[in-house]
Each structure stands twice: as C-alpha cells, then as structure tokens.
Amino acid sequence: MIEFALLVIGSMVVNALSQNARTTRHAWRQAAEALGLTGPGEGLGVQLLIAGTLNGHGVNVSTFARAGNDQQRGTRFRITFGSRLPVDVRLSRESGLSGFGRLVGIEDTSVGDAAFDRAVLVTGKARTADIRRWLTPGRRLRVQRFVQGRHDARIEPTGLAWTISGTTTDPKRLVAEVRYGLDLADALLGEVAEQPLDRAAERLAHGDAGGAFTALHGDDARATFDALLMEGQVLHAAGRYEDAAAAFHRAERAARHLGKAERAEARDWAKAAAAARHGTIAQGTAGRGETPGVPEPAGPDLATLCRELFGGPDGHAVDVGERFEAAYRGQAVRWTGTLLSVEEAALDFVFGDRPLARAVFHAHSGDGSAMAFDAVRAVVRLPAGSASGLKGRIGKRLGFAGRLVACDTFARNLYVDDASLSKSLTA
C-alpha cells in the first residue's frame, strides 16, 4: 500500500514538472513568434533557446544554471552587434571586485562624470579621449541604467549581455527584454544626431528645455522608457508637475515587463512630481521678502550647492530634484560664470510666455572646464533685447544676480529668473 502511494505521488510530481516545462516552452515559442525569431522545439529534452537576427543584430536567449548549484537557474540574453563598436571599450558594473582588478593591472577609465564613474567600470584599449567623446550624455544615461538595473550586465565591442533570475514563463517579459537590448544596441552604434535622447541633451546644453521636449517628440522618437523618463524630468524642471507625473506614469507602464529598477525609478519620480504639485515639499525661502534698500544677500555658495545637489552617489537621481525644491528653489543668488551662449527668445519652456534673452553660463565643474561631464550650467533669463550686446562677451566671466527657479537633474542646469548682470561681480 505504501509503495502504491509513493508511486502515485511520484507520478503526480512528474506530471507537474512536465506541465511546467510545457508551459515554459509554450511561452518561449510565443515570444519567439512575436519577435520573428526561431523558438525552442517541441521536445521536452530540447534546450530552451530563442535565436536569430533582428534589426541587423544577432539575438540569443537561453537558460543556464550557476556553477555548482543546479537549483540556481536563470535566463541569459545576448545581443551580437551587426558591426563592432567604433571604440574598443568594455563596460560593466562597478563592484567590490573592481578594486581588486585595479590591483592586478586592469585600468578603470574615468570619463569625468562622477555618477557614471561610480556606477560603471570602463576598460578597453581605446584612448580615454575617444571613450569620452563616444560616451555622449544619452549613451551614458542608457549604459548606467543598463549595468545598474541588470544582473551580469556587460557591454563589449562585439555585443552586450545580461541575465535575469529564474527561467521566465512570461512571453511579454522575454519580448520586452530583447527589445530593450536591441534599442540599447542601436543607441550605442547609431549616429548621435539620430538619437532623440542626445538631441534633447544637446538642446538642454543650450538651456533650451522646450527644444529638448520637441526632440523627444520628433517623427523618429519612440515612447521608450528612457525617453518618457527624460520627458518627465524636463517637465518637472519647468514646474509642470501634473504633466511630469503623467509622463512618469507612462514610463512606469513602458517598463511594466522590464526589471524592478526601471519601475521603481519612474515611481519615485512620479511621487516627487505629485509632492511638488501639492506643495508637500517645503521650498527654500532665503532671498524672499527682502527689505527695500537693503542689498540682496549673496545667496548659497555655488560650489557648496553643486556638491550638495550633484555630489551624491547618483547625481541624476530623483532626490536631486527633491533637495533642490526643499533647500534652494526661490533663493536669490549672486554668482559669476563664463558666458557660453546667449540668444533672444519669444518664450521659454521654463521661464514662461515672456520675451527674454536666454544666457547660458558655465557655473561650476570639478576641473574648471565647461566641457567636463560634471559641468553645471546656469541658464539665466535676462531682459529681452540684451542678447546683441552680449554676443561679443562670450567666453568672458560675468556676474549675474537673480532667483533660482528650477533645476534640470539630467543636464545639471540651474535656471535663474528675473536676472540682471552685476558689474561688481564681473571679472
């Protein structure tokens, strides 16, 4: 009787395992069909594998077991580039082992973006200057999210790879991960001018948040997670918190079949936008309500502000915006900076529907260079009509005074409204 019971139980276990295997195999075949790739065969003993070529890149999805632990299984994704990267570089996540690698001669290239350098291990044979030139703002953003949000994530000259825990039975997750990898491959190989994120970053470098918003909505722009999150950040910096929250919610939905890291980042931004919209973040008050005839205070020290906002573990994180709202928004400032550009505009995405001269100053960077990846810019609204008189002063250090109204955490732009030039501060 006992032998019969054990036989029945064993049969039930085998049937359950077989059913689970059939369910998994069916999910993988569904994913392969949705992608137009070759899926696994019918036999239960045949390896789970999705393979083929898509968008000019090779795709390979398979399962694996950790060495010495058959119970710890996972799913491995590999995208083989249609052509090699233009620079010989390898990118992976910084970890405790990175320090050991340096001890044995593996050199970690610093690109000059503090948040990126803390998160990403950069090695390879390419010259540092070539690596920095290739790692545009849009690429740095994508690479940093990739290596921080995925297990075993790495980028090599010939392709990229990552893993997720377990053997997934969700075909939508498989499709989303493959498409995510293909989007990243296109961003790493494509021309910078073709990348909406980089076009948006270029406009932000000129203080033109409206131009950045337009770039993210161009004919070739797609509603990817990265694009939607940047759209929300631009709207947040412009004080359009309701629209920003909507963009962050769309970003969260776009990431619903991706990893937890993307969903959490979008959710945190949406919460910050909601808090700012409802006024639950106390705004900085220094510089308000000055007594007539009393000189304006100098306001926050620029180097200290940059360190407190952008010097943390992740200079692009949502808490940068929250710190700005809580401590600095609305403060009067009197700073000096190197004038980088100036132009007349009928209106501005951040400053509103008023004619202005929009001046961009290099305000601060670790090495004093306006081209440094950690450079902080001040985008300053000067009186309309004053741009022509400043064209000949580009490259000069000038003083300006105004009121801090916004912070773009991606571009490291600080927006100063109601500003005027200060002769006493001009070098």
Foldseek 3Di string as FASTA:
>chain_A
DVVVVVVVVVVVVVVVVVVVLQLLQVLQCVLLVVQVWDFWDDDSPTFGWTWDDDPLKTWIKGKDAPPPGNPWIWIKIKIFANAFFPFFKKKAFDDPCVVVVVVVPFDFQDLQQQLLSNTMGMGGDGDSVVVNVLCALVLSVLRSCQRVFFAPWMAGRGIIMTIDTDSDSHSVLVNLVVVSRVVSSCVRRDDLVLDLQSQLLVCVLQVALVSNLVSCVDPSHDLALVSLQLNLLSCVQLVVLVVSLVSLVSSLVNCVSPTPVSNVQSVVSNVVSVCVVVVVAAAADAQPPDDPPDDTDQWDDPVVLLCVLQVDNHLLGPVSQSCCRNHAAFHKHKAKFAWAAWDWDCAGSRQGRHTFIWIKGFGDGPVPDCPRPSTAIETETHHHPCRVVCPVRHRFMWIKIAGFHGARSSNNYTYGYPMDTDPVRGD
